Amino acid sequence: MNLDLLKRLCETPGVPGHERRVRDLIQAEIAGLFDEVQVDAMGSLICRRQPRAAGKSKASKAKKGKDDRPTRVMLLCHMDEIGFLVSFIDDKGFLWVNPVGGFDTRNLFSRRVRICTADGEYQAVMNPGGRPVHIASAEDRKKVPEVKEFFIDMGLPADAVREKVKIGDFVVMDEPLITLGDKIVSKALDNRVACWLGIESVRQLAASGKGHAAEVVVAFTVQEEVGLRGARTSSFAVLPDIGLGLDVTLSCDTPGVPDPEQVTVQGRGFGLHIKDSSFIADMGLVADIEALAVARGIPYQRTILGAGGQDGAAAQQAAAGARAVGIVVGTRYIHTVTEMIHRVDLEAARDIVAAYLETVA
């Protein structure tokens, strides 16, 4: 497993509207994998790989399928992570922020953060306003602050802060990727996991030498965390026949959550994603991928998420529509700095995507 790539992806900062650093990393990583690479007006990276005959490294001219062209399969992998934009600098030099993505503020107390500007990156700390524990009242201790009550302290005088930071600069959590046994823990596994899958599944496909009849399009999309925005524009441009939404999903196999709400159990394989708030998967695709997983011995579990959405919905609903399904990796503690996945599930997701791209016609 290319864990170094996942580490670099997770530790590279990029919130909605500020994905450039992640995109640059991906562009450098995918050299030679695709026949055409372009950046669209919103900043999504759209990568096309034409069909290959078995044993051939260059594109095949064979045509079939809709409109006398190969079947077009689109993988959607969003690059953005949840974070903040600086919205105000007060007279004392404290930064106040506006969220881009959904936060549970119970997970924001006493966090180290990284402020990303055009001229450099700066470490700082985030805390909510109010009295510390030593002088807090009983009522103070019960309160869960809103996002608007959190501020960032750079430890610098106000003039120095204003010289370094502008309104609109972005902020991410500042935590490294670590491994715990068979688990991988990091901020931004949502959704650098999908970026990793988009690269590594095509790399595995290319290395197999078995060829593929479909046109493969991998879209590394922007602004998913604020409404699938990049996926919508990318899908209208690509017009896929089949869309695979690559993402994480909940793994609530932890204390305090009833079994019917666990969504996935870690270590049982990739998630074959059937439904969430944004789409209902094409059940023919579900059956095809399930049969392929069984035939190849790739562990999997069916998944339904009660709320939330993913980029596969954008592919499904673009223009006249497409068949779509989700391939997901169960993740504990989503939207925190302790997001956790299991190696077995990540490898299974890579293997099923590569196998499907190899076999779809």
Protein backbone atom coordinates (compact mmCIF):
# COMPACT_ATOMS: atom_id res chain seq x y z
CA MET A 1 0.00 0.00 0.00
CA ASN A 2 1.28 3.46 -0.93
CA LEU A 3 0.82 4.96 2.53
CA ASP A 4 3.27 7.77 1.79
CA LEU A 5 0.92 9.12 -0.89
CA LEU A 6 -2.06 9.03 1.48
CA LYS A 7 0.00 10.83 4.15
CA ARG A 8 1.00 13.57 1.70
CA LEU A 9 -2.58 13.95 0.50
CA CYS A 10 -4.01 14.21 4.02
CA GLU A 11 -1.39 16.62 5.29
CA THR A 12 -1.66 18.98 2.32
CA PRO A 13 -4.15 21.74 3.22
CA GLY A 14 -7.11 22.46 0.96
CA VAL A 15 -10.58 23.65 1.95
CA PRO A 16 -13.48 24.37 -0.43
CA GLY A 17 -12.38 27.00 -2.94
CA HIS A 18 -8.71 26.57 -1.98
CA GLU A 19 -7.82 23.13 -3.35
CA ARG A 20 -4.84 24.23 -5.46
CA ARG A 21 -2.15 22.66 -3.25
CA VAL A 22 -3.90 19.29 -3.33
CA ARG A 23 -4.46 19.53 -7.08
CA ASP A 24 -0.78 20.31 -7.68
CA LEU A 25 0.24 17.25 -5.66
CA ILE A 26 -2.12 15.02 -7.64
CA GLN A 27 -0.98 16.39 -11.00
CA ALA A 28 2.62 15.56 -10.14
CA GLU A 29 1.65 12.08 -8.94
CA ILE A 30 -0.38 11.00 -12.00
CA ALA A 31 2.23 11.74 -14.67
CA GLY A 32 1.87 9.10 -17.42
CA LEU A 33 -1.36 7.55 -16.14
CA PHE A 34 -3.76 9.53 -18.32
CA ASP A 35 -3.99 10.62 -21.95
CA GLU A 36 -5.47 14.03 -21.17
CA VAL A 37 -5.45 16.15 -18.03
CA GLN A 38 -7.20 19.48 -17.66
CA VAL A 39 -8.28 21.90 -14.95
CA ASP A 40 -11.80 23.27 -15.39
CA ALA A 41 -13.02 26.76 -14.58
CA MET A 42 -13.92 25.84 -10.99
CA GLY A 43 -10.59 24.15 -10.33
CA SER A 44 -11.52 20.49 -10.61
CA LEU A 45 -8.89 18.25 -12.20
CA ILE A 46 -10.38 16.09 -14.98
CA CYS A 47 -8.20 13.19 -16.16
CA ARG A 48 -9.06 10.98 -19.13
CA ARG A 49 -7.65 7.57 -19.99
CA GLN A 50 -8.78 6.08 -23.29
CA PRO A 51 -9.37 2.32 -23.78
CA ARG A 52 -6.33 0.05 -23.92
CA ALA A 53 -5.98 -3.35 -25.56
CA ALA A 54 -4.44 -6.02 -23.36
CA GLY A 55 -0.69 -5.57 -23.13
CA LYS A 56 -0.80 -2.10 -24.72
CA SER A 57 0.35 1.02 -22.90
CA LYS A 58 -1.16 3.44 -25.42
CA ALA A 59 -4.80 4.22 -26.16
CA SER A 60 -6.82 1.89 -28.38
CA LYS A 61 -9.03 3.25 -31.17
CA ALA A 62 -11.71 0.59 -30.77
CA LYS A 63 -15.19 2.10 -30.34
CA LYS A 64 -18.39 0.72 -28.93
CA GLY A 65 -21.35 1.71 -26.79
CA LYS A 66 -23.41 4.88 -26.65
CA ASP A 67 -23.10 7.13 -29.74
CA ASP A 68 -20.51 4.76 -31.27
CA ARG A 69 -17.97 5.48 -28.54
CA PRO A 70 -16.62 3.50 -25.59
CA THR A 71 -18.61 3.38 -22.39
CA ARG A 72 -17.48 6.33 -20.28
CA VAL A 73 -16.93 5.61 -16.60
CA MET A 74 -16.37 8.57 -14.30
CA LEU A 75 -14.73 8.34 -10.88
CA LEU A 76 -15.54 11.32 -8.67
CA CYS A 77 -13.07 12.10 -5.88
CA HIS A 78 -13.39 15.38 -4.04
CA MET A 79 -10.18 17.13 -3.00
CA ASP A 80 -11.50 19.54 -0.37
CA GLU A 81 -11.51 19.09 3.40
CA ILE A 82 -13.60 20.93 5.97
CA GLY A 83 -12.03 24.08 7.38
CA PHE A 84 -12.47 27.81 7.82
CA LEU A 85 -11.97 31.13 6.06
CA VAL A 86 -10.68 34.11 8.02
CA SER A 87 -13.56 36.59 8.22
CA PHE A 88 -12.34 39.21 10.74
CA ILE A 89 -9.18 40.34 12.57
CA ASP A 90 -9.92 42.18 15.81
CA ASP A 91 -7.95 44.94 17.53
CA LYS A 92 -6.04 42.43 19.64
CA GLY A 93 -4.97 40.35 16.65
CA PHE A 94 -7.38 37.46 17.23
CA LEU A 95 -8.76 35.87 14.05
CA TRP A 96 -12.44 35.08 13.67
CA VAL A 97 -13.52 32.57 11.06
CA ASN A 98 -16.37 31.38 8.86
CA PRO A 99 -16.74 27.60 8.38
CA VAL A 100 -16.56 25.88 4.99
CA GLY A 101 -17.98 22.47 5.78
CA GLY A 102 -19.86 20.97 8.70
CA PHE A 103 -18.39 20.95 12.21
CA ASP A 104 -19.52 19.56 15.54
CA THR A 105 -18.08 22.25 17.80
CA ARG A 106 -17.55 19.73 20.62
CA ASN A 107 -14.54 18.60 18.55
CA LEU A 108 -13.01 22.07 18.16
CA PHE A 109 -11.85 22.85 21.69
CA SER A 110 -8.13 23.58 22.13
CA ARG A 111 -7.02 22.68 18.62
CA ARG A 112 -3.78 23.45 16.83
CA VAL A 113 -4.50 24.93 13.43
CA ARG A 114 -2.60 26.01 10.33
CA ILE A 115 -3.36 29.34 8.65
CA CYS A 116 -2.65 29.22 4.90
CA THR A 117 -1.93 32.49 3.10
CA ALA A 118 -0.54 33.46 -0.28
CA ASP A 119 2.85 34.13 1.34
CA GLY A 120 3.17 31.20 3.71
CA GLU A 121 1.64 29.00 6.40
CA TYR A 122 1.45 29.82 10.11
CA GLN A 123 0.71 27.65 13.11
CA ALA A 124 -1.79 28.89 15.69
CA VAL A 125 -4.34 27.66 18.23
CA MET A 126 -8.14 27.69 18.25
CA ASN A 127 -10.36 28.04 21.31
CA PRO A 128 -13.85 29.32 22.11
CA GLY A 129 -14.32 32.61 23.88
CA GLY A 130 -15.18 32.49 27.58
CA ARG A 131 -13.72 31.62 30.97
CA PRO A 132 -11.25 28.73 31.37
CA VAL A 133 -12.12 25.83 33.65
CA HIS A 134 -10.47 27.31 36.76
CA ILE A 135 -12.86 30.26 36.86
CA ALA A 136 -15.82 28.89 34.92
CA SER A 137 -19.20 28.53 36.58
CA ALA A 138 -21.20 25.32 36.52
CA GLU A 139 -23.37 26.83 33.78
CA ASP A 140 -20.29 27.85 31.77
CA ARG A 141 -19.08 24.24 31.77
CA LYS A 142 -22.36 22.94 30.33
CA LYS A 143 -22.37 25.27 27.35
CA VAL A 144 -21.45 24.01 23.87
CA PRO A 145 -20.29 27.07 21.89
CA GLU A 146 -21.33 27.83 18.32
CA VAL A 147 -18.72 28.04 15.56
CA LYS A 148 -18.96 31.84 15.59
CA GLU A 149 -17.66 31.87 19.19
CA PHE A 150 -14.30 30.29 18.30
CA PHE A 151 -11.25 32.45 17.64
CA ILE A 152 -7.66 31.80 16.56
CA ASP A 153 -4.61 33.02 18.47
CA MET A 154 -1.35 33.34 16.50
CA GLY A 155 0.58 34.48 19.55
CA LEU A 156 1.56 37.69 17.73
CA PRO A 157 0.81 41.39 18.14
CA ALA A 158 -2.14 42.69 16.14
CA ASP A 159 0.05 44.61 13.67
CA ALA A 160 2.09 41.50 12.90
CA VAL A 161 -1.08 39.45 12.40
CA ARG A 162 -2.46 41.98 9.92
CA GLU A 163 0.81 41.94 7.98
CA LYS A 164 0.61 38.18 7.53
CA VAL A 165 -3.11 37.35 7.26
CA LYS A 166 -5.89 38.64 5.01
CA ILE A 167 -9.63 38.16 5.05
CA GLY A 168 -10.33 35.04 2.97
CA ASP A 169 -7.15 33.18 3.92
CA PHE A 170 -7.98 29.65 4.97
CA VAL A 171 -7.48 27.55 8.08
CA VAL A 172 -7.20 23.79 8.56
CA MET A 173 -6.57 21.55 11.54
CA ASP A 174 -2.86 20.88 12.07
CA GLU A 175 -2.44 17.15 12.74
CA PRO A 176 -0.18 14.51 11.11
CA LEU A 177 -1.25 11.13 9.77
CA ILE A 178 -0.40 8.23 12.09
CA THR A 179 -0.93 4.46 12.06
CA LEU A 180 -2.38 2.41 14.93
CA GLY A 181 -2.01 -1.29 14.16
CA ASP A 182 -4.13 -1.93 11.07
CA LYS A 183 -5.77 1.49 11.35
CA ILE A 184 -4.83 4.80 9.71
CA VAL A 185 -5.70 8.00 11.57
CA SER A 186 -5.62 11.52 10.15
CA LYS A 187 -7.51 14.70 9.53
CA ALA A 188 -8.86 14.98 5.95
CA LEU A 189 -9.25 11.26 5.27
CA ASP A 190 -12.58 12.72 4.12
CA ASN A 191 -11.88 12.78 1.27
CA ARG A 192 -8.22 12.32 0.47
CA VAL A 193 -9.09 8.62 0.69
CA ALA A 194 -10.96 9.07 -2.60
CA CYS A 195 -8.08 10.99 -4.17
CA TRP A 196 -5.81 8.08 -3.21
CA LEU A 197 -8.29 5.60 -4.67
CA GLY A 198 -8.62 7.57 -7.90
CA ILE A 199 -4.85 7.42 -8.38
CA GLU A 200 -4.05 3.97 -7.04
CA SER A 201 -6.92 2.12 -8.75
CA VAL A 202 -5.90 3.47 -12.16
CA ARG A 203 -2.25 2.77 -11.37
CA GLN A 204 -3.20 -0.82 -10.52
CA LEU A 205 -5.27 -1.07 -13.71
CA ALA A 206 -2.35 0.19 -15.82
CA ALA A 207 0.16 -2.11 -14.14
CA SER A 208 -1.98 -5.20 -14.73
CA GLY A 209 -1.49 -4.99 -18.50
CA LYS A 210 -4.96 -6.48 -19.01
CA GLY A 211 -6.32 -3.44 -20.83
CA HIS A 212 -9.81 -1.95 -20.52
CA ALA A 213 -12.64 -1.35 -22.98
CA ALA A 214 -14.11 1.70 -21.23
CA GLU A 215 -13.00 5.30 -21.33
CA VAL A 216 -11.96 6.09 -17.76
CA VAL A 217 -12.39 9.63 -16.46
CA VAL A 218 -11.18 10.50 -12.97
CA ALA A 219 -12.43 13.85 -11.70
CA PHE A 220 -10.71 15.23 -8.63
CA THR A 221 -13.43 17.69 -7.72
CA VAL A 222 -13.69 20.88 -5.69
CA GLN A 223 -16.16 22.19 -3.12
CA GLU A 224 -17.96 18.95 -2.26
CA GLU A 225 -18.17 19.85 1.40
CA VAL A 226 -20.34 22.86 0.56
CA GLY A 227 -22.73 21.13 -1.83
CA LEU A 228 -21.15 18.84 -4.51
CA ARG A 229 -20.38 21.98 -6.54
CA GLY A 230 -17.33 20.86 -8.51
CA ALA A 231 -18.83 17.45 -9.16
CA ARG A 232 -21.91 19.04 -10.72
CA THR A 233 -19.96 21.12 -13.23
CA SER A 234 -17.48 18.30 -13.95
CA SER A 235 -20.26 15.81 -14.58
CA PHE A 236 -21.99 18.13 -17.04
CA ALA A 237 -18.69 18.47 -18.92
CA VAL A 238 -17.87 14.75 -18.92
CA LEU A 239 -21.40 13.33 -19.45
CA PRO A 240 -20.58 9.89 -18.08
CA ASP A 241 -22.53 6.72 -18.77
CA ILE A 242 -21.56 5.38 -15.35
CA GLY A 243 -20.54 7.35 -12.28
CA LEU A 244 -18.64 5.91 -9.32
CA GLY A 245 -18.73 8.22 -6.31
CA LEU A 246 -15.61 7.49 -4.26
CA ASP A 247 -15.83 8.70 -0.68
CA VAL A 248 -15.77 7.80 2.98
CA THR A 249 -18.86 6.93 4.96
CA LEU A 250 -19.65 6.52 8.63
CA SER A 251 -18.31 3.62 10.63
CA CYS A 252 -20.20 3.87 13.92
CA ASP A 253 -19.07 0.48 15.23
CA THR A 254 -18.13 2.25 18.46
CA PRO A 255 -19.58 2.56 21.98
CA GLY A 256 -22.73 4.61 22.36
CA VAL A 257 -24.20 3.93 18.90
CA PRO A 258 -26.95 1.30 18.42
CA ASP A 259 -26.08 -1.49 15.97
CA PRO A 260 -28.76 -0.47 13.42
CA GLU A 261 -27.03 2.93 13.09
CA GLN A 262 -23.45 1.71 12.63
CA VAL A 263 -23.56 1.99 8.77
CA THR A 264 -20.31 -0.01 8.37
CA VAL A 265 -18.07 -2.20 10.50
CA GLN A 266 -14.34 -1.64 10.08
CA GLY A 267 -12.34 -4.50 8.59
CA ARG A 268 -15.26 -6.03 6.68
CA GLY A 269 -14.32 -4.52 3.32
CA PHE A 270 -15.31 -1.63 1.10
CA GLY A 271 -18.77 -0.15 1.31
CA LEU A 272 -21.11 -0.73 -1.64
CA HIS A 273 -23.11 2.44 -1.19
CA ILE A 274 -26.81 2.13 -2.02
CA LYS A 275 -28.47 5.27 -0.65
CA ASP A 276 -27.98 8.57 1.16
CA SER A 277 -29.75 11.94 1.13
CA SER A 278 -28.38 12.82 -2.31
CA PHE A 279 -29.01 9.71 -4.42
CA ILE A 280 -30.21 6.14 -4.70
CA ALA A 281 -27.75 3.89 -6.52
CA ASP A 282 -28.52 2.06 -9.75
CA MET A 283 -29.34 -1.43 -8.51
CA GLY A 284 -28.00 -3.05 -11.66
CA LEU A 285 -24.59 -1.53 -10.88
CA VAL A 286 -24.90 -2.68 -7.29
CA ALA A 287 -25.51 -6.23 -8.50
CA ASP A 288 -22.63 -6.10 -11.01
CA ILE A 289 -20.10 -4.83 -8.49
CA GLU A 290 -21.30 -7.23 -5.82
CA ALA A 291 -20.91 -10.19 -8.19
CA LEU A 292 -17.43 -9.00 -9.16
CA ALA A 293 -16.42 -8.64 -5.51
CA VAL A 294 -17.59 -12.18 -4.80
CA ALA A 295 -15.81 -13.57 -7.88
CA ARG A 296 -12.53 -11.82 -6.98
CA GLY A 297 -12.72 -12.52 -3.26
CA ILE A 298 -12.79 -8.81 -2.38
CA PRO A 299 -14.48 -8.18 1.00
CA TYR A 300 -17.41 -5.78 0.94
CA GLN A 301 -20.50 -4.65 2.84
CA ARG A 302 -23.64 -2.94 1.60
CA THR A 303 -24.19 0.53 3.05
CA ILE A 304 -27.01 3.01 3.50
CA LEU A 305 -26.42 6.42 5.09
CA GLY A 306 -29.41 8.11 6.71
CA ALA A 307 -28.20 11.65 5.98
CA GLY A 308 -25.45 13.27 3.92
CA GLY A 309 -24.47 13.15 0.28
CA GLN A 310 -21.61 12.43 -2.10
CA ASP A 311 -20.35 13.27 -5.58
CA GLY A 312 -21.89 10.19 -7.20
CA ALA A 313 -25.21 12.03 -7.03
CA ALA A 314 -23.88 14.76 -9.31
CA ALA A 315 -22.87 12.23 -11.96
CA GLN A 316 -26.25 10.55 -11.72
CA GLN A 317 -28.15 13.81 -12.23
CA ALA A 318 -26.02 15.56 -14.85
CA ALA A 319 -27.78 16.43 -18.13
CA ALA A 320 -29.84 13.39 -19.18
CA GLY A 321 -28.47 11.37 -16.27
CA ALA A 322 -26.15 8.42 -15.69
CA ARG A 323 -26.10 5.16 -13.81
CA ALA A 324 -24.32 5.69 -10.50
CA VAL A 325 -23.19 3.91 -7.37
CA GLY A 326 -20.90 4.69 -4.46
CA ILE A 327 -17.71 2.91 -3.46
CA VAL A 328 -16.92 4.02 0.08
CA VAL A 329 -14.56 3.36 2.97
CA GLY A 330 -16.02 3.17 6.47
CA THR A 331 -14.50 5.87 8.68
CA ARG A 332 -14.76 6.42 12.41
CA TYR A 333 -14.97 9.93 13.87
CA ILE A 334 -15.65 11.72 10.55
CA HIS A 335 -15.11 15.50 10.46
CA THR A 336 -12.56 15.39 13.28
CA VAL A 337 -8.76 15.23 13.44
CA THR A 338 -9.03 11.56 14.47
CA GLU A 339 -10.71 10.14 11.37
CA MET A 340 -9.86 6.44 11.31
CA ILE A 341 -9.98 3.81 8.56
CA HIS A 342 -8.95 0.15 8.31
CA ARG A 343 -6.29 -0.91 5.79
CA VAL A 344 -8.41 -3.89 4.71
CA ASP A 345 -11.29 -1.59 3.72
CA LEU A 346 -9.05 0.84 1.85
CA GLU A 347 -7.31 -1.92 -0.09
CA ALA A 348 -10.64 -3.57 -0.89
CA ALA A 349 -11.98 -0.29 -2.29
CA ARG A 350 -8.91 0.10 -4.50
CA ASP A 351 -9.14 -3.49 -5.72
CA ILE A 352 -12.84 -3.36 -6.61
CA VAL A 353 -12.51 -0.08 -8.49
CA ALA A 354 -9.55 -1.40 -10.50
CA ALA A 355 -11.37 -4.68 -11.19
CA TYR A 356 -14.51 -2.90 -12.32
CA LEU A 357 -12.61 -0.60 -14.68
CA GLU A 358 -10.87 -3.63 -16.14
CA THR A 359 -14.10 -5.54 -16.79
CA VAL A 360 -16.76 -2.95 -17.68
CA ALA A 361 -17.58 -2.78 -21.37
